[in-house]
Every structure is written in C-alpha cells, then in structure tokens.
C-alpha cells in the first residue's frame, strides 16, 4: 500500500469516528436541552397554579389540602388549574424513547421523595412541578397513567364497566374516587351560579351512586349483591351519555339506581 492509499484509508476511518462522535454529542445535547426545557415549563406552570390558588383559595381549598398528601388528588387539582391542550410538548416528542422513559421515572421519583418530606411551600412546589412534568410527558407520549388518571385529566366523571370492576377490586381506590366526586360536588355547590339543573351536577350525582353501589363491606352475601348490582348498572348505563343528559332524565336515572341499591 503506497502513501496515498494509506492516507485515504486513514482519512476515511477518522471521518467515520468523527461522524459518530458528533451524532452522539448532538443527541446528548438535545436530550439535556429537552430535560431542561421540561423543568422550565413545569416551573412556569407551577407559578401560574400557585397564583390561581392564592387568588381563589376558598374555591380550591379542599382540593388543595388533598393534593398535599395524594398524587391522584394533585393530578385532579392540576387538571382544573391547567389547560394541558394549550401547552406545547412537541420538544418531548423529539427526544429518544429511552430519554423520555428516564425523564418519566425521574419525575415519579421526585414526587415520591418530596411527598416523604415536611410539607413546606417549597416542597409542595416540588411535588407540583414533578406532577406537571409527568403529566406533560404522558400527554406527549400517550403513556396514560391509568383509566382513572385519564378520566381525571379530561375532567370526566362517568365510569365504564371495566373501571367499576377495577375499583370494586381495590376498595381503597374506590374510597378515594368517592371522596373525589364528593369534593367536586362541594366545589360546585359553593359557586354563586350553582344550579341543581346543571348537567355536570347530575352527572356527579349519578357517578356517586355508581361508586357507592360497588362498595363491599364483609361477607359472601354482600359480594354477591355487589356483583348483581354492578351487572345491573352496567346494563342500565351502557348507552347513557351522562355528561350531556338533561336534568329530568338524570333524576329519573338516579332514582332507578337508588332502587337497585335497595
């Protein structure tokens, strides 16, 4: 091999290494920038949320107190304070999947660590920032936390047969869902323009009865009763649009559910 051939081969190898290193550097830089941008966006939204809470503390007091100790309550509160559809998450979609997965786990860990500490304002802001960041990641990637989480993010108060079945099997979660619905009722009722004819109020009443219908105390007889009631409710609600039902139909449906409960 003469000097010219040797030089050409060496240059080709070097060029290959340089390209690889540059690509890795670019990718790492993009991933780091994405993580930093997520933190910035989350912190900006935290500031907006804290301001809304300060300005309307009476309206959000119950949700605020619950959010200090429960991740689901925090997510529910944020769904009321933030219109996630207006938040640009395109930068997250441009990141590598492994990076996004790592970011998601990091935010979950951040929320758990902060929750175990004394509940100062700074710590509360950290929990909120972690929750916002996690929700933004899930919105960008479509990685829904759970059926319940997706429902809270959308503000929906109706339950599918599958969701009711899951809640029946997890009575602790069921209790939280009942408290969540009751909290929504309290908030609605405290507003100056409250009306019992409001379709959402009627939907909340129906949701509360649905949830109470699958509570289990003790004993086989009670379990069988719950199963029968759940099946009856599933059949009754199969084609019902709770969110858009008028007041008269809602009251009629509520009366039928109460009859099922005996």
Protein backbone atom coordinates (compact mmCIF):
# COMPACT_ATOMS: atom_id res chain seq x y z
CA UNK A 1 0.00 0.00 0.00
CA UNK A 2 1.54 3.36 -1.04
CA UNK A 3 1.38 6.57 0.99
CA UNK A 4 -1.58 7.95 -0.97
CA UNK A 5 -3.71 4.83 -0.35
CA UNK A 6 -2.72 4.76 3.33
CA UNK A 7 -3.68 8.43 3.73
CA UNK A 8 -7.07 7.88 2.05
CA UNK A 9 -7.85 4.89 4.30
CA UNK A 10 -6.85 6.79 7.44
CA UNK A 11 -8.97 9.78 6.49
CA UNK A 12 -12.00 7.55 5.86
CA UNK A 13 -11.70 5.90 9.28
CA UNK A 14 -11.28 9.23 11.03
CA UNK A 15 -14.28 10.64 9.24
CA UNK A 16 -16.38 7.71 10.43
CA UNK A 17 -15.32 8.20 14.05
CA UNK A 18 -15.90 11.93 13.89
CA UNK A 19 -19.38 11.47 12.49
CA UNK A 20 -20.30 9.03 15.26
CA UNK A 21 -18.97 11.28 17.99
CA UNK A 22 -20.74 14.30 16.54
CA UNK A 23 -24.03 12.42 16.30
CA UNK A 24 -23.76 11.26 19.90
CA UNK A 25 -22.87 14.74 21.06
CA UNK A 26 -25.83 16.21 19.19
CA UNK A 27 -28.21 13.61 20.61
CA UNK A 28 -26.97 14.08 24.16
CA UNK A 29 -27.18 17.83 23.84
CA UNK A 30 -30.76 17.56 22.56
CA UNK A 31 -31.74 15.23 25.40
CA UNK A 32 -30.19 17.50 28.03
CA UNK A 33 -31.87 20.52 26.47
CA UNK A 34 -35.21 18.67 26.48
CA UNK A 35 -34.89 17.83 30.16
CA UNK A 36 -34.02 21.44 30.98
CA UNK A 37 -36.93 22.73 28.90
CA UNK A 38 -39.35 20.39 30.65
CA UNK A 39 -38.17 21.69 34.02
CA UNK A 40 -38.57 25.28 32.86
CA UNK A 41 -42.08 24.72 31.50
CA UNK A 42 -43.14 22.85 34.65
CA UNK A 43 -41.82 25.59 36.94
CA UNK A 44 -43.60 28.29 34.92
CA UNK A 45 -46.86 26.37 35.24
CA UNK A 46 -46.27 25.91 38.97
CA UNK A 47 -46.04 29.69 39.36
CA UNK A 48 -49.32 30.12 37.46
CA UNK A 49 -51.04 27.44 39.56
CA UNK A 50 -49.88 28.88 42.87
CA UNK A 51 -51.20 32.29 41.81
CA UNK A 52 -54.59 30.80 40.89
CA UNK A 53 -54.71 29.00 44.24
CA UNK A 54 -53.86 32.19 46.12
CA UNK A 55 -56.47 34.18 44.22
CA UNK A 56 -59.21 31.54 44.62
CA UNK A 57 -58.25 29.68 47.78
CA UNK A 58 -61.82 29.23 49.04
CA UNK A 59 -62.80 27.59 45.77
CA UNK A 60 -59.86 25.17 45.73
CA UNK A 61 -59.27 24.70 49.47
CA UNK A 62 -60.44 21.08 49.71
CA UNK A 63 -58.62 20.03 46.55
CA UNK A 64 -55.52 21.90 47.71
CA UNK A 65 -55.44 20.15 51.09
CA UNK A 66 -55.95 16.73 49.49
CA UNK A 67 -53.20 17.40 46.95
CA UNK A 68 -50.61 17.73 49.72
CA UNK A 69 -50.85 14.04 50.54
CA UNK A 70 -52.23 12.23 47.49
CA UNK A 71 -50.76 12.04 43.98
CA UNK A 72 -54.15 11.45 42.37
CA UNK A 73 -55.61 14.45 44.18
CA UNK A 74 -52.71 16.57 42.91
CA UNK A 75 -53.36 15.41 39.34
CA UNK A 76 -57.07 16.18 39.74
CA UNK A 77 -56.30 19.67 41.06
CA UNK A 78 -53.88 20.38 38.22
CA UNK A 79 -56.48 19.27 35.68
CA UNK A 80 -58.66 22.11 36.99
CA UNK A 81 -55.86 24.67 37.02
CA UNK A 82 -54.10 23.87 33.74
CA UNK A 83 -55.39 23.50 30.20
CA UNK A 84 -52.85 20.91 29.07
CA UNK A 85 -54.02 21.21 25.48
CA UNK A 86 -52.51 24.70 25.31
CA UNK A 87 -49.06 23.55 26.48
CA UNK A 88 -46.52 22.88 23.72
CA UNK A 89 -44.99 19.42 24.24
CA UNK A 90 -43.52 18.94 20.77
CA UNK A 91 -39.99 19.15 22.19
CA UNK A 92 -40.66 16.00 24.22
CA UNK A 93 -41.72 14.09 21.12
CA UNK A 94 -38.33 14.85 19.53
CA UNK A 95 -36.41 13.09 22.31
CA UNK A 96 -35.25 9.49 22.25
CA UNK A 97 -37.63 7.00 23.85
CA UNK A 98 -35.04 5.91 26.42
CA UNK A 99 -34.52 9.52 27.45
CA UNK A 100 -38.26 10.12 27.81
CA UNK A 101 -38.67 6.93 29.87
CA UNK A 102 -35.84 8.10 32.12
CA UNK A 103 -37.43 11.52 32.48
CA UNK A 104 -40.76 9.94 33.43
CA UNK A 105 -39.17 7.73 36.10
CA UNK A 106 -37.20 10.70 37.38
CA UNK A 107 -40.36 12.78 37.84
CA UNK A 108 -42.15 9.91 39.59
CA UNK A 109 -39.18 9.52 41.94
CA UNK A 110 -39.12 13.28 42.53
CA UNK A 111 -42.77 13.26 43.54
CA UNK A 112 -42.29 10.34 45.93
CA UNK A 113 -39.21 11.84 47.59
CA UNK A 114 -40.88 15.22 48.05
CA UNK A 115 -44.01 13.64 49.48
CA UNK A 116 -41.99 11.99 52.27
CA UNK A 117 -40.58 15.32 53.47
CA UNK A 118 -42.11 18.01 55.66
CA UNK A 119 -44.83 19.83 53.72
CA UNK A 120 -43.30 23.28 53.26
CA UNK A 121 -44.33 25.58 50.41
CA UNK A 122 -41.09 24.85 48.55
CA UNK A 123 -41.66 21.12 48.93
CA UNK A 124 -45.25 21.47 47.75
CA UNK A 125 -44.00 23.33 44.67
CA UNK A 126 -41.55 20.48 44.01
CA UNK A 127 -44.36 17.93 44.17
CA UNK A 128 -46.47 20.07 41.87
CA UNK A 129 -43.60 20.55 39.40
CA UNK A 130 -42.98 16.80 39.31
CA UNK A 131 -46.68 16.13 38.75
CA UNK A 132 -46.90 18.68 35.94
CA UNK A 133 -43.77 17.34 34.26
CA UNK A 134 -45.06 13.76 34.49
CA UNK A 135 -48.42 14.75 33.02
CA UNK A 136 -46.74 16.63 30.17
CA UNK A 137 -44.60 13.60 29.36
CA UNK A 138 -47.66 11.36 29.36
CA UNK A 139 -49.55 13.80 27.16
CA UNK A 140 -46.69 13.93 24.64
CA UNK A 141 -46.15 10.17 24.54
CA UNK A 142 -49.66 8.88 25.10
CA UNK A 143 -48.48 6.88 28.12
CA UNK A 144 -51.61 7.12 30.20
CA UNK A 145 -51.14 6.53 33.92
CA UNK A 146 -54.39 4.64 34.36
CA UNK A 147 -58.00 4.72 33.33
CA UNK A 148 -58.75 6.80 36.40
CA UNK A 149 -55.89 9.13 35.67
CA UNK A 150 -57.02 9.67 32.09
CA UNK A 151 -60.54 10.38 33.29
CA UNK A 152 -59.32 12.97 35.79
CA UNK A 153 -57.14 14.64 33.17
CA UNK A 154 -60.17 15.06 30.93
CA UNK A 155 -62.48 16.14 33.76
CA UNK A 156 -64.90 13.29 33.06
CA UNK A 157 -66.99 11.88 35.92
CA UNK A 158 -68.53 8.82 34.28
CA UNK A 159 -67.21 5.28 34.67
CA UNK A 160 -67.04 2.34 32.28
CA UNK A 161 -67.87 -1.19 33.35
CA UNK A 162 -64.15 -2.03 33.31
CA UNK A 163 -63.32 0.93 35.55
CA UNK A 164 -66.05 -0.02 38.00
CA UNK A 165 -64.73 -3.57 38.08
CA UNK A 166 -61.20 -2.33 38.85
CA UNK A 167 -62.48 -0.08 41.62
CA UNK A 168 -64.57 -2.88 43.11
CA UNK A 169 -61.40 -4.96 43.40
CA UNK A 170 -59.48 -2.09 45.02
CA UNK A 171 -61.68 -0.71 47.79
CA UNK A 172 -59.05 1.83 48.89
CA UNK A 173 -59.04 3.38 45.43
CA UNK A 174 -62.82 3.26 45.44
CA UNK A 175 -62.94 5.30 48.66
CA UNK A 176 -60.64 7.90 47.10
CA UNK A 177 -62.82 8.10 43.99
CA UNK A 178 -65.92 8.62 46.13
CA UNK A 179 -64.16 11.39 48.06
CA UNK A 180 -63.03 12.92 44.77
CA UNK A 181 -66.60 13.03 43.43
CA UNK A 182 -67.89 14.41 46.73
CA UNK A 183 -65.19 17.08 46.64
CA UNK A 184 -66.28 18.08 43.14
CA UNK A 185 -69.87 18.32 44.41
CA UNK A 186 -68.80 20.56 47.29
CA UNK A 187 -66.88 22.85 44.97
CA UNK A 188 -69.77 23.11 42.52
CA UNK A 189 -72.28 23.78 45.28
CA UNK A 190 -70.16 26.60 46.71
CA UNK A 191 -70.22 28.58 43.47
CA UNK A 192 -72.55 31.56 43.14
CA UNK A 193 -74.08 30.32 39.88
CA UNK A 194 -74.72 26.79 41.16
CA UNK A 195 -77.82 25.06 39.85
CA UNK A 196 -79.08 21.53 40.50
CA UNK A 197 -80.23 21.53 36.88
CA UNK A 198 -76.61 21.71 35.71
CA UNK A 199 -75.88 18.52 33.67
CA UNK A 200 -72.49 18.15 35.36
CA UNK A 201 -74.10 18.22 38.80
CA UNK A 202 -76.49 15.50 37.69
CA UNK A 203 -73.55 13.50 36.31
CA UNK A 204 -71.76 13.82 39.66
CA UNK A 205 -74.83 12.52 41.49
CA UNK A 206 -75.02 9.52 39.18
CA UNK A 207 -71.27 8.87 39.50
CA UNK A 208 -71.51 8.95 43.29
CA UNK A 209 -74.32 6.40 43.28
CA UNK A 210 -72.38 4.19 40.85
CA UNK A 211 -69.38 4.17 43.16
CA UNK A 212 -71.37 3.60 46.34
CA UNK A 213 -73.12 0.69 44.64
CA UNK A 214 -69.88 -1.29 44.43
CA UNK A 215 -68.66 -0.74 47.98
CA UNK A 216 -68.03 -4.03 49.73
CA UNK A 217 -68.39 -4.47 53.48
CA UNK A 218 -67.87 -8.07 54.58
CA UNK A 219 -69.28 -11.49 53.87
CA UNK A 220 -70.08 -13.50 50.76
CA UNK A 221 -73.67 -12.28 50.62
CA UNK A 222 -72.52 -8.68 50.25
CA UNK A 223 -70.05 -9.61 47.49
CA UNK A 224 -72.77 -11.37 45.50
CA UNK A 225 -75.05 -8.37 45.99
CA UNK A 226 -72.34 -6.06 44.64
CA UNK A 227 -71.79 -8.26 41.59
CA UNK A 228 -75.51 -8.30 40.81
CA UNK A 229 -75.80 -4.55 41.27
CA UNK A 230 -72.75 -3.90 39.08
CA UNK A 231 -74.18 -6.02 36.29
CA UNK A 232 -77.50 -4.22 36.51
CA UNK A 233 -75.78 -0.84 36.49
CA UNK A 234 -73.63 -1.81 33.51
CA UNK A 235 -76.71 -2.80 31.51
CA UNK A 236 -78.61 0.32 32.56
CA UNK A 237 -75.77 2.74 31.73
CA UNK A 238 -74.50 1.06 28.56
CA UNK A 239 -75.96 3.63 26.18
CA UNK A 240 -76.24 6.60 28.53
CA UNK A 241 -74.29 9.82 27.90
CA UNK A 242 -74.01 11.14 31.46
CA UNK A 243 -72.16 14.31 30.52
CA UNK A 244 -74.97 15.56 28.25
CA UNK A 245 -78.06 14.21 29.98
CA UNK A 246 -80.79 16.71 30.83
CA UNK A 247 -81.89 17.24 34.42
CA UNK A 248 -85.18 15.33 34.13
CA UNK A 249 -83.53 12.20 32.68
CA UNK A 250 -80.69 12.44 35.21
CA UNK A 251 -83.11 12.49 38.13
CA UNK A 252 -85.02 9.55 36.71
CA UNK A 253 -81.80 7.57 36.26
CA UNK A 254 -80.67 8.46 39.77
CA UNK A 255 -83.95 7.19 41.20
CA UNK A 256 -83.55 3.90 39.32
CA UNK A 257 -80.01 3.46 40.66
CA UNK A 258 -81.22 4.07 44.22
CA UNK A 259 -83.89 1.43 43.70
CA UNK A 260 -81.18 -1.02 42.60
CA UNK A 261 -79.30 -0.33 45.81
CA UNK A 262 -82.36 -1.21 47.80
